[in-house]
């Protein structure tokens, strides 16, 4: 089993940074987005975006695997 590429790991860390390390910038209740407090909207948005980031990281690893098999 090979280690994941640095690019795939970096892409996989994007949701973590977006959810956990950006708290000082989005920790607000007063603005409402789609009827939700902004902080709840932000977290739900990153849950959805996490799927896209993981799919992209998987695509990077699949391309890497195909490149080494040639």
PDB file of N, CA and C in Angstrom:
ATOM      1  N   UNK A   1       0.836  -1.176   0.000  1.00  0.00           N
ATOM      2  CA  UNK A   1       0.000   0.000   0.000  1.00  0.00           C
ATOM      3  C   UNK A   1       0.884   1.243   0.000  1.00  0.00           C
ATOM      4  N   UNK A   2       0.612   2.144  -0.937  1.00  0.00           N
ATOM      5  CA  UNK A   2       1.413   3.361  -1.065  1.00  0.00           C
ATOM      6  C   UNK A   2       0.861   4.488  -0.214  1.00  0.00           C
ATOM      7  N   UNK A   3       1.746   5.387   0.122  1.00  0.00           N
ATOM      8  CA  UNK A   3       1.326   6.582   0.846  1.00  0.00           C
ATOM      9  C   UNK A   3       0.625   7.529  -0.130  1.00  0.00           C
ATOM     10  N   UNK A   4      -0.350   8.287   0.348  1.00  0.00           N
ATOM     11  CA  UNK A   4      -1.017   9.248  -0.536  1.00  0.00           C
ATOM     12  C   UNK A   4      -0.076  10.385  -0.921  1.00  0.00           C
ATOM     13  N   UNK A   5      -0.352  10.982  -2.055  1.00  0.00           N
ATOM     14  CA  UNK A   5       0.483  12.096  -2.510  1.00  0.00           C
ATOM     15  C   UNK A   5       0.234  13.321  -1.649  1.00  0.00           C
ATOM     16  N   UNK A   6       1.185  14.217  -1.656  1.00  0.00           N
ATOM     17  CA  UNK A   6       1.059  15.456  -0.875  1.00  0.00           C
ATOM     18  C   UNK A   6      -0.112  16.290  -1.370  1.00  0.00           C
ATOM     19  N   UNK A   7      -0.367  16.268  -2.671  1.00  0.00           N
ATOM     20  CA  UNK A   7      -1.487  17.020  -3.225  1.00  0.00           C
ATOM     21  C   UNK A   7      -2.812  16.484  -2.710  1.00  0.00           C
ATOM     22  N   UNK A   8      -2.962  15.165  -2.689  1.00  0.00           N
ATOM     23  CA  UNK A   8      -4.206  14.564  -2.197  1.00  0.00           C
ATOM     24  C   UNK A   8      -4.413  14.871  -0.709  1.00  0.00           C
ATOM     25  N   UNK A   9      -3.351  14.848   0.063  1.00  0.00           N
ATOM     26  CA  UNK A   9      -3.457  15.169   1.488  1.00  0.00           C
ATOM     27  C   UNK A   9      -3.839  16.638   1.667  1.00  0.00           C
ATOM     28  N   UNK A  10      -3.225  17.519   0.884  1.00  0.00           N
ATOM     29  CA  UNK A  10      -3.543  18.951   0.977  1.00  0.00           C
ATOM     30  C   UNK A  10      -5.007  19.199   0.623  1.00  0.00           C
ATOM     31  N   UNK A  11      -5.508  18.544  -0.414  1.00  0.00           N
ATOM     32  CA  UNK A  11      -6.909  18.693  -0.794  1.00  0.00           C
ATOM     33  C   UNK A  11      -7.817  18.148   0.302  1.00  0.00           C
ATOM     34  N   UNK A  12      -7.423  17.046   0.909  1.00  0.00           N
ATOM     35  CA  UNK A  12      -8.207  16.472   1.998  1.00  0.00           C
ATOM     36  C   UNK A  12      -8.227  17.333   3.251  1.00  0.00           C
ATOM     37  N   UNK A  13      -7.226  18.166   3.440  1.00  0.00           N
ATOM     38  CA  UNK A  13      -7.175  19.036   4.614  1.00  0.00           C
ATOM     39  C   UNK A  13      -7.978  20.325   4.443  1.00  0.00           C
ATOM     40  N   UNK A  14      -8.367  20.649   3.236  1.00  0.00           N
ATOM     41  CA  UNK A  14      -9.129  21.878   2.989  1.00  0.00           C
ATOM     42  C   UNK A  14     -10.411  21.932   3.825  1.00  0.00           C
ATOM     43  N   UNK A  15     -11.238  20.864   3.867  1.00  0.00           N
ATOM     44  CA  UNK A  15     -12.444  20.948   4.699  1.00  0.00           C
ATOM     45  C   UNK A  15     -12.145  21.133   6.184  1.00  0.00           C
ATOM     46  N   UNK A  16     -11.084  20.494   6.673  1.00  0.00           N
ATOM     47  CA  UNK A  16     -10.706  20.656   8.075  1.00  0.00           C
ATOM     48  C   UNK A  16     -10.382  22.110   8.374  1.00  0.00           C
ATOM     49  N   UNK A  17      -9.594  22.721   7.518  1.00  0.00           N
ATOM     50  CA  UNK A  17      -9.230  24.125   7.704  1.00  0.00           C
ATOM     51  C   UNK A  17     -10.478  25.000   7.602  1.00  0.00           C
ATOM     52  N   UNK A  18     -11.334  24.701   6.623  1.00  0.00           N
ATOM     53  CA  UNK A  18     -12.545  25.500   6.446  1.00  0.00           C
ATOM     54  C   UNK A  18     -13.500  25.418   7.613  1.00  0.00           C
ATOM     55  N   UNK A  19     -13.578  24.266   8.254  1.00  0.00           N
ATOM     56  CA  UNK A  19     -14.506  24.101   9.370  1.00  0.00           C
ATOM     57  C   UNK A  19     -13.897  24.491  10.714  1.00  0.00           C
ATOM     58  N   UNK A  20     -12.678  24.109  10.950  1.00  0.00           N
ATOM     59  CA  UNK A  20     -12.111  24.237  12.299  1.00  0.00           C
ATOM     60  C   UNK A  20     -11.230  25.462  12.508  1.00  0.00           C
ATOM     61  N   UNK A  21     -10.419  25.790  11.554  1.00  0.00           N
ATOM     62  CA  UNK A  21      -9.451  26.861  11.773  1.00  0.00           C
ATOM     63  C   UNK A  21      -9.943  28.235  11.342  1.00  0.00           C
ATOM     64  N   UNK A  22     -11.132  28.302  10.749  1.00  0.00           N
ATOM     65  CA  UNK A  22     -11.652  29.594  10.306  1.00  0.00           C
ATOM     66  C   UNK A  22     -12.717  30.152  11.247  1.00  0.00           C
ATOM     67  N   UNK A  23     -12.858  29.565  12.415  1.00  0.00           N
ATOM     68  CA  UNK A  23     -13.916  29.962  13.357  1.00  0.00           C
ATOM     69  C   UNK A  23     -13.917  31.465  13.680  1.00  0.00           C
ATOM     70  N   UNK A  24     -12.789  32.105  13.928  1.00  0.00           N
ATOM     71  CA  UNK A  24     -12.847  33.536  14.268  1.00  0.00           C
ATOM     72  C   UNK A  24     -13.474  34.397  13.173  1.00  0.00           C
ATOM     73  N   UNK A  25     -13.423  33.960  11.934  1.00  0.00           N
ATOM     74  CA  UNK A  25     -13.972  34.764  10.836  1.00  0.00           C
ATOM     75  C   UNK A  25     -15.470  34.561  10.649  1.00  0.00           C
ATOM     76  N   UNK A  26     -16.016  33.407  11.040  1.00  0.00           N
ATOM     77  CA  UNK A  26     -17.433  33.160  10.755  1.00  0.00           C
ATOM     78  C   UNK A  26     -18.292  32.977  11.992  1.00  0.00           C
ATOM     79  N   UNK A  27     -17.762  33.140  13.164  1.00  0.00           N
ATOM     80  CA  UNK A  27     -18.524  32.897  14.386  1.00  0.00           C
ATOM     81  C   UNK A  27     -19.497  34.050  14.656  1.00  0.00           C
ATOM     82  N   UNK A  28     -20.588  34.064  13.880  1.00  0.00           N
ATOM     83  CA  UNK A  28     -21.614  35.085  14.005  1.00  0.00           C
ATOM     84  C   UNK A  28     -22.987  34.435  13.888  1.00  0.00           C
ATOM     85  N   UNK A  29     -23.948  35.008  14.543  1.00  0.00           N
ATOM     86  CA  UNK A  29     -25.315  34.504  14.447  1.00  0.00           C
ATOM     87  C   UNK A  29     -26.192  35.480  13.677  1.00  0.00           C
ATOM     88  N   UNK A  30     -25.919  36.763  13.769  1.00  0.00           N
ATOM     89  CA  UNK A  30     -26.823  37.773  13.216  1.00  0.00           C
ATOM     90  C   UNK A  30     -27.054  37.682  11.721  1.00  0.00           C
ATOM     91  N   UNK A  31     -26.077  37.524  10.838  1.00  0.00           N
ATOM     92  CA  UNK A  31     -26.469  37.389   9.430  1.00  0.00           C
ATOM     93  C   UNK A  31     -27.147  36.038   9.209  1.00  0.00           C
ATOM     94  N   UNK A  32     -28.236  36.068   8.482  1.00  0.00           N
ATOM     95  CA  UNK A  32     -28.969  34.837   8.174  1.00  0.00           C
ATOM     96  C   UNK A  32     -28.771  34.517   6.694  1.00  0.00           C
ATOM     97  N   UNK A  33     -28.505  33.269   6.385  1.00  0.00           N
ATOM     98  CA  UNK A  33     -28.346  32.805   5.007  1.00  0.00           C
ATOM     99  C   UNK A  33     -29.309  31.649   4.812  1.00  0.00           C
ATOM    100  N   UNK A  34     -30.238  31.801   3.892  1.00  0.00           N
ATOM    101  CA  UNK A  34     -31.269  30.785   3.630  1.00  0.00           C
ATOM    102  C   UNK A  34     -32.027  30.420   4.908  1.00  0.00           C
ATOM    103  N   UNK A  35     -32.248  31.398   5.775  1.00  0.00           N
ATOM    104  CA  UNK A  35     -32.989  31.172   7.000  1.00  0.00           C
ATOM    105  C   UNK A  35     -32.191  30.516   8.116  1.00  0.00           C
ATOM    106  N   UNK A  36     -30.904  30.337   7.926  1.00  0.00           N
ATOM    107  CA  UNK A  36     -30.036  29.719   8.940  1.00  0.00           C
ATOM    108  C   UNK A  36     -29.074  30.759   9.488  1.00  0.00           C
ATOM    109  N   UNK A  37     -28.716  30.666  10.762  1.00  0.00           N
ATOM    110  CA  UNK A  37     -27.637  31.526  11.258  1.00  0.00           C
ATOM    111  C   UNK A  37     -26.366  31.239  10.456  1.00  0.00           C
ATOM    112  N   UNK A  38     -25.548  32.260  10.265  1.00  0.00           N
ATOM    113  CA  UNK A  38     -24.392  32.112   9.387  1.00  0.00           C
ATOM    114  C   UNK A  38     -23.472  30.972   9.804  1.00  0.00           C
ATOM    115  N   UNK A  39     -23.253  30.796  11.116  1.00  0.00           N
ATOM    116  CA  UNK A  39     -22.324  29.745  11.532  1.00  0.00           C
ATOM    117  C   UNK A  39     -22.850  28.351  11.177  1.00  0.00           C
ATOM    118  N   UNK A  40     -24.152  28.130  11.285  1.00  0.00           N
ATOM    119  CA  UNK A  40     -24.721  26.839  10.901  1.00  0.00           C
ATOM    120  C   UNK A  40     -24.651  26.648   9.391  1.00  0.00           C
ATOM    121  N   UNK A  41     -24.953  27.711   8.642  1.00  0.00           N
ATOM    122  CA  UNK A  41     -24.837  27.649   7.185  1.00  0.00           C
ATOM    123  C   UNK A  41     -23.410  27.308   6.767  1.00  0.00           C
ATOM    124  N   UNK A  42     -22.417  27.931   7.408  1.00  0.00           N
ATOM    125  CA  UNK A  42     -21.003  27.703   7.075  1.00  0.00           C
ATOM    126  C   UNK A  42     -20.620  26.232   7.271  1.00  0.00           C
ATOM    127  N   UNK A  43     -21.042  25.660   8.398  1.00  0.00           N
ATOM    128  CA  UNK A  43     -20.712  24.263   8.672  1.00  0.00           C
ATOM    129  C   UNK A  43     -21.403  23.319   7.691  1.00  0.00           C
ATOM    130  N   UNK A  44     -22.666  23.560   7.390  1.00  0.00           N
ATOM    131  CA  UNK A  44     -23.384  22.719   6.424  1.00  0.00           C
ATOM    132  C   UNK A  44     -22.750  22.839   5.050  1.00  0.00           C
ATOM    133  N   UNK A  45     -22.358  24.046   4.668  1.00  0.00           N
ATOM    134  CA  UNK A  45     -21.685  24.250   3.385  1.00  0.00           C
ATOM    135  C   UNK A  45     -20.409  23.423   3.306  1.00  0.00           C
ATOM    136  N   UNK A  46     -19.617  23.409   4.376  1.00  0.00           N
ATOM    137  CA  UNK A  46     -18.370  22.646   4.348  1.00  0.00           C
ATOM    138  C   UNK A  46     -18.601  21.141   4.384  1.00  0.00           C
ATOM    139  N   UNK A  47     -19.691  20.708   4.977  1.00  0.00           N
ATOM    140  CA  UNK A  47     -20.018  19.279   4.925  1.00  0.00           C
ATOM    141  C   UNK A  47     -20.266  18.869   3.491  1.00  0.00           C
ATOM    142  N   UNK A  48     -20.986  19.701   2.748  1.00  0.00           N
ATOM    143  CA  UNK A  48     -21.254  19.418   1.329  1.00  0.00           C
ATOM    144  C   UNK A  48     -19.969  19.525   0.515  1.00  0.00           C
ATOM    145  N   UNK A  49     -19.181  20.575   0.749  1.00  0.00           N
ATOM    146  CA  UNK A  49     -17.930  20.753  -0.001  1.00  0.00           C
ATOM    147  C   UNK A  49     -16.899  19.668   0.305  1.00  0.00           C
ATOM    148  N   UNK A  50     -16.990  19.058   1.477  1.00  0.00           N
ATOM    149  CA  UNK A  50     -16.066  17.979   1.832  1.00  0.00           C
ATOM    150  C   UNK A  50     -16.164  16.820   0.851  1.00  0.00           C
ATOM    151  N   UNK A  51     -17.372  16.523   0.418  1.00  0.00           N
ATOM    152  CA  UNK A  51     -17.545  15.444  -0.560  1.00  0.00           C
ATOM    153  C   UNK A  51     -16.808  15.764  -1.858  1.00  0.00           C
ATOM    154  N   UNK A  52     -16.908  17.001  -2.297  1.00  0.00           N
ATOM    155  CA  UNK A  52     -16.200  17.402  -3.509  1.00  0.00           C
ATOM    156  C   UNK A  52     -14.692  17.346  -3.338  1.00  0.00           C
ATOM    157  N   UNK A  53     -14.203  17.779  -2.187  1.00  0.00           N
ATOM    158  CA  UNK A  53     -12.761  17.731  -1.932  1.00  0.00           C
ATOM    159  C   UNK A  53     -12.254  16.285  -1.893  1.00  0.00           C
ATOM    160  N   UNK A  54     -13.006  15.407  -1.260  1.00  0.00           N
ATOM    161  CA  UNK A  54     -12.594  14.005  -1.192  1.00  0.00           C
ATOM    162  C   UNK A  54     -12.645  13.351  -2.575  1.00  0.00           C
ATOM    163  N   UNK A  55     -13.636  13.715  -3.390  1.00  0.00           N
ATOM    164  CA  UNK A  55     -13.708  13.185  -4.752  1.00  0.00           C
ATOM    165  C   UNK A  55     -12.518  13.664  -5.577  1.00  0.00           C
ATOM    166  N   UNK A  56     -12.142  14.914  -5.403  1.00  0.00           N
ATOM    167  CA  UNK A  56     -10.988  15.447  -6.119  1.00  0.00           C
ATOM    168  C   UNK A  56      -9.697  14.769  -5.661  1.00  0.00           C
ATOM    169  N   UNK A  57      -9.551  14.558  -4.365  1.00  0.00           N
ATOM    170  CA  UNK A  57      -8.364  13.864  -3.854  1.00  0.00           C
ATOM    171  C   UNK A  57      -8.307  12.432  -4.387  1.00  0.00           C
ATOM    172  N   UNK A  58      -9.458  11.780  -4.468  1.00  0.00           N
ATOM    173  CA  UNK A  58      -9.511  10.433  -5.028  1.00  0.00           C
ATOM    174  C   UNK A  58      -9.116  10.442  -6.499  1.00  0.00           C
ATOM    175  N   UNK A  59      -9.566  11.434  -7.234  1.00  0.00           N
ATOM    176  CA  UNK A  59      -9.207  11.535  -8.659  1.00  0.00           C
ATOM    177  C   UNK A  59      -7.703  11.723  -8.819  1.00  0.00           C
ATOM    178  N   UNK A  60      -7.103  12.530  -7.950  1.00  0.00           N
ATOM    179  CA  UNK A  60      -5.642  12.733  -7.998  1.00  0.00           C
ATOM    180  C   UNK A  60      -4.928  11.407  -7.752  1.00  0.00           C
ATOM    181  N   UNK A  61      -5.383  10.650  -6.768  1.00  0.00           N
ATOM    182  CA  UNK A  61      -4.740   9.372  -6.460  1.00  0.00           C
ATOM    183  C   UNK A  61      -4.972   8.341  -7.571  1.00  0.00           C
ATOM    184  N   UNK A  62      -6.159   8.318  -8.159  1.00  0.00           N
ATOM    185  CA  UNK A  62      -6.413   7.381  -9.257  1.00  0.00           C
ATOM    186  C   UNK A  62      -5.533   7.702 -10.455  1.00  0.00           C
ATOM    187  N   UNK A  63      -5.387   8.977 -10.772  1.00  0.00           N
ATOM    188  CA  UNK A  63      -4.533   9.378 -11.877  1.00  0.00           C
ATOM    189  C   UNK A  63      -3.083   9.003 -11.587  1.00  0.00           C
ATOM    190  N   UNK A  64      -2.662   9.181 -10.339  1.00  0.00           N
ATOM    191  CA  UNK A  64      -1.306   8.800  -9.948  1.00  0.00           C
ATOM    192  C   UNK A  64      -1.082   7.303 -10.077  1.00  0.00           C
ATOM    193  N   UNK A  65      -2.101   6.524  -9.673  1.00  0.00           N
ATOM    194  CA  UNK A  65      -1.991   5.063  -9.756  1.00  0.00           C
ATOM    195  C   UNK A  65      -1.926   4.617 -11.222  1.00  0.00           C
ATOM    196  N   UNK A  66      -2.761   5.224 -12.078  1.00  0.00           N
ATOM    197  CA  UNK A  66      -2.737   4.872 -13.507  1.00  0.00           C
ATOM    198  C   UNK A  66      -1.410   5.250 -14.147  1.00  0.00           C
ATOM    199  N   UNK A  67      -0.837   6.386 -13.716  1.00  0.00           N
ATOM    200  CA  UNK A  67       0.446   6.824 -14.274  1.00  0.00           C
ATOM    201  C   UNK A  67       1.585   5.898 -13.913  1.00  0.00           C
ATOM    202  N   UNK A  68       1.563   5.310 -12.738  1.00  0.00           N
ATOM    203  CA  UNK A  68       2.642   4.427 -12.332  1.00  0.00           C
ATOM    204  C   UNK A  68       2.467   3.015 -12.889  1.00  0.00           C
ATOM    205  N   UNK A  69       1.250   2.670 -13.320  1.00  0.00           N
ATOM    206  CA  UNK A  69       1.006   1.335 -13.846  1.00  0.00           C
ATOM    207  C   UNK A  69       1.458   1.207 -15.295  1.00  0.00           C
ATOM    208  N   UNK A  70       1.688   2.347 -15.961  1.00  0.00           N
ATOM    209  CA  UNK A  70       2.094   2.294 -17.369  1.00  0.00           C
ATOM    210  C   UNK A  70       3.532   1.906 -17.551  1.00  0.00           C
TER     211      UNK A  70
END
